[in-house]
């Protein structure tokens, strides 16, 4: 499998941003179903301490998926696990 992600390098707080993720089958087998998982996290602030008490759940950004199958998008909660046929591209959007 090969995964390519494109989109903006920075996202303004409170504004949506569109990212595109392409999953390519590089094997010699036909895949009937592909499960894709995605999470979006904010980067730590410069000098922000990260240790065993850091709660990364607070860093998770909401992700919504849209595709040819679901053009309006679907909220994903804290993380997203859209299942799709191998030929159905999806576009993740963070807000």
C-alpha atoms as a PDB file:
ATOM      1  CA  UNK A   1       0.000   0.000   0.000  1.00  0.00           C
ATOM      2  CA  UNK A   2       1.137   3.549  -0.682  1.00  0.00           C
ATOM      3  CA  UNK A   3      -0.489   6.522   1.062  1.00  0.00           C
ATOM      4  CA  UNK A   4      -0.246  10.111  -0.170  1.00  0.00           C
ATOM      5  CA  UNK A   5      -1.565  13.040   1.866  1.00  0.00           C
ATOM      6  CA  UNK A   6      -1.889  16.562   0.506  1.00  0.00           C
ATOM      7  CA  UNK A   7      -3.281  19.751   2.003  1.00  0.00           C
ATOM      8  CA  UNK A   8      -2.282  22.928   3.788  1.00  0.00           C
ATOM      9  CA  UNK A   9       0.749  22.987   6.096  1.00  0.00           C
ATOM     10  CA  UNK A  10      -1.124  25.176   8.624  1.00  0.00           C
ATOM     11  CA  UNK A  11      -4.781  25.435   9.644  1.00  0.00           C
ATOM     12  CA  UNK A  12      -6.312  28.515  11.266  1.00  0.00           C
ATOM     13  CA  UNK A  13      -8.228  27.762  14.477  1.00  0.00           C
ATOM     14  CA  UNK A  14     -11.972  27.636  13.853  1.00  0.00           C
ATOM     15  CA  UNK A  15     -11.605  27.406  10.072  1.00  0.00           C
ATOM     16  CA  UNK A  16     -12.114  24.273   7.971  1.00  0.00           C
ATOM     17  CA  UNK A  17      -9.242  22.837   5.948  1.00  0.00           C
ATOM     18  CA  UNK A  18      -9.467  20.288   3.164  1.00  0.00           C
ATOM     19  CA  UNK A  19      -6.932  17.470   2.896  1.00  0.00           C
ATOM     20  CA  UNK A  20      -6.824  14.694   0.354  1.00  0.00           C
ATOM     21  CA  UNK A  21      -5.603  11.189   1.133  1.00  0.00           C
ATOM     22  CA  UNK A  22      -5.000   8.661  -1.616  1.00  0.00           C
ATOM     23  CA  UNK A  23      -4.425   4.995  -0.788  1.00  0.00           C
ATOM     24  CA  UNK A  24      -2.874   3.055  -3.672  1.00  0.00           C
ATOM     25  CA  UNK A  25      -2.720  -0.715  -3.908  1.00  0.00           C
ATOM     26  CA  UNK A  26       0.897  -1.458  -4.877  1.00  0.00           C
ATOM     27  CA  UNK A  27       0.516  -5.219  -4.421  1.00  0.00           C
ATOM     28  CA  UNK A  28      -0.238  -7.773  -7.116  1.00  0.00           C
ATOM     29  CA  UNK A  29      -3.553  -8.663  -5.408  1.00  0.00           C
ATOM     30  CA  UNK A  30      -7.019  -7.198  -5.953  1.00  0.00           C
ATOM     31  CA  UNK A  31      -8.439  -5.702  -2.758  1.00  0.00           C
ATOM     32  CA  UNK A  32     -12.195  -5.902  -2.297  1.00  0.00           C
ATOM     33  CA  UNK A  33     -12.271  -3.672   0.783  1.00  0.00           C
ATOM     34  CA  UNK A  34      -9.882  -1.115   2.243  1.00  0.00           C
ATOM     35  CA  UNK A  35     -10.189   0.202   5.814  1.00  0.00           C
ATOM     36  CA  UNK A  36      -8.607   3.616   6.333  1.00  0.00           C
ATOM     37  CA  UNK A  37      -8.018   5.185   9.740  1.00  0.00           C
ATOM     38  CA  UNK A  38      -7.283   8.866  10.295  1.00  0.00           C
ATOM     39  CA  UNK A  39      -6.705  11.144  13.264  1.00  0.00           C
ATOM     40  CA  UNK A  40      -5.748  14.794  13.335  1.00  0.00           C
ATOM     41  CA  UNK A  41      -3.797  16.256  16.243  1.00  0.00           C
ATOM     42  CA  UNK A  42      -2.573  19.737  16.953  1.00  0.00           C
ATOM     43  CA  UNK A  43       1.176  20.220  17.217  1.00  0.00           C
ATOM     44  CA  UNK A  44       2.590  21.017  20.649  1.00  0.00           C
ATOM     45  CA  UNK A  45       3.427  24.658  21.326  1.00  0.00           C
ATOM     46  CA  UNK A  46       7.107  25.565  21.331  1.00  0.00           C
ATOM     47  CA  UNK A  47       8.443  24.660  24.770  1.00  0.00           C
ATOM     48  CA  UNK A  48       5.257  22.795  25.752  1.00  0.00           C
ATOM     49  CA  UNK A  49       6.116  19.938  28.093  1.00  0.00           C
ATOM     50  CA  UNK A  50       5.099  16.459  26.989  1.00  0.00           C
ATOM     51  CA  UNK A  51       5.389  13.704  29.570  1.00  0.00           C
ATOM     52  CA  UNK A  52       3.533  10.634  30.840  1.00  0.00           C
ATOM     53  CA  UNK A  53       0.741  12.877  32.196  1.00  0.00           C
ATOM     54  CA  UNK A  54       0.078  14.540  28.814  1.00  0.00           C
ATOM     55  CA  UNK A  55      -3.529  13.929  27.742  1.00  0.00           C
ATOM     56  CA  UNK A  56      -3.350  13.621  23.954  1.00  0.00           C
ATOM     57  CA  UNK A  57      -7.152  13.286  23.794  1.00  0.00           C
ATOM     58  CA  UNK A  58      -7.249  17.065  24.284  1.00  0.00           C
ATOM     59  CA  UNK A  59      -5.145  17.511  21.132  1.00  0.00           C
ATOM     60  CA  UNK A  60      -7.472  15.585  18.803  1.00  0.00           C
ATOM     61  CA  UNK A  61      -9.159  17.658  16.083  1.00  0.00           C
ATOM     62  CA  UNK A  62     -12.550  16.613  14.664  1.00  0.00           C
ATOM     63  CA  UNK A  63     -12.415  15.029  11.196  1.00  0.00           C
ATOM     64  CA  UNK A  64     -15.259  14.757   8.688  1.00  0.00           C
ATOM     65  CA  UNK A  65     -15.149  12.547   5.586  1.00  0.00           C
ATOM     66  CA  UNK A  66     -16.690  13.201   2.207  1.00  0.00           C
ATOM     67  CA  UNK A  67     -16.501  11.160  -0.981  1.00  0.00           C
ATOM     68  CA  UNK A  68     -18.370  10.415  -4.167  1.00  0.00           C
ATOM     69  CA  UNK A  69     -20.491   8.044  -2.035  1.00  0.00           C
ATOM     70  CA  UNK A  70     -21.196  10.699   0.644  1.00  0.00           C
ATOM     71  CA  UNK A  71     -20.625  14.199  -0.820  1.00  0.00           C
ATOM     72  CA  UNK A  72     -21.973  16.027   2.250  1.00  0.00           C
ATOM     73  CA  UNK A  73     -19.491  14.353   4.553  1.00  0.00           C
ATOM     74  CA  UNK A  74     -19.921  12.437   7.749  1.00  0.00           C
ATOM     75  CA  UNK A  75     -18.644  13.460  11.178  1.00  0.00           C
ATOM     76  CA  UNK A  76     -16.266  10.942  12.608  1.00  0.00           C
ATOM     77  CA  UNK A  77     -16.061  11.704  16.318  1.00  0.00           C
ATOM     78  CA  UNK A  78     -12.576  11.622  17.857  1.00  0.00           C
ATOM     79  CA  UNK A  79     -11.092   9.480  15.106  1.00  0.00           C
ATOM     80  CA  UNK A  80     -12.315   8.258  11.789  1.00  0.00           C
ATOM     81  CA  UNK A  81     -12.500   4.786  10.365  1.00  0.00           C
ATOM     82  CA  UNK A  82     -14.318   5.020   7.045  1.00  0.00           C
ATOM     83  CA  UNK A  83     -14.668   1.707   5.262  1.00  0.00           C
ATOM     84  CA  UNK A  84     -14.794   1.937   1.518  1.00  0.00           C
ATOM     85  CA  UNK A  85     -14.484  -0.110  -1.585  1.00  0.00           C
ATOM     86  CA  UNK A  86     -11.007   0.082  -3.060  1.00  0.00           C
ATOM     87  CA  UNK A  87     -12.289   2.361  -5.834  1.00  0.00           C
ATOM     88  CA  UNK A  88     -14.129   4.924  -3.695  1.00  0.00           C
ATOM     89  CA  UNK A  89     -11.875   7.911  -2.874  1.00  0.00           C
ATOM     90  CA  UNK A  90     -12.561   9.951   0.284  1.00  0.00           C
ATOM     91  CA  UNK A  91     -11.485  13.429   1.261  1.00  0.00           C
ATOM     92  CA  UNK A  92     -10.900  14.138   4.992  1.00  0.00           C
ATOM     93  CA  UNK A  93     -11.684  17.643   6.243  1.00  0.00           C
ATOM     94  CA  UNK A  94     -10.578  19.018   9.613  1.00  0.00           C
ATOM     95  CA  UNK A  95     -12.510  21.782  11.350  1.00  0.00           C
END
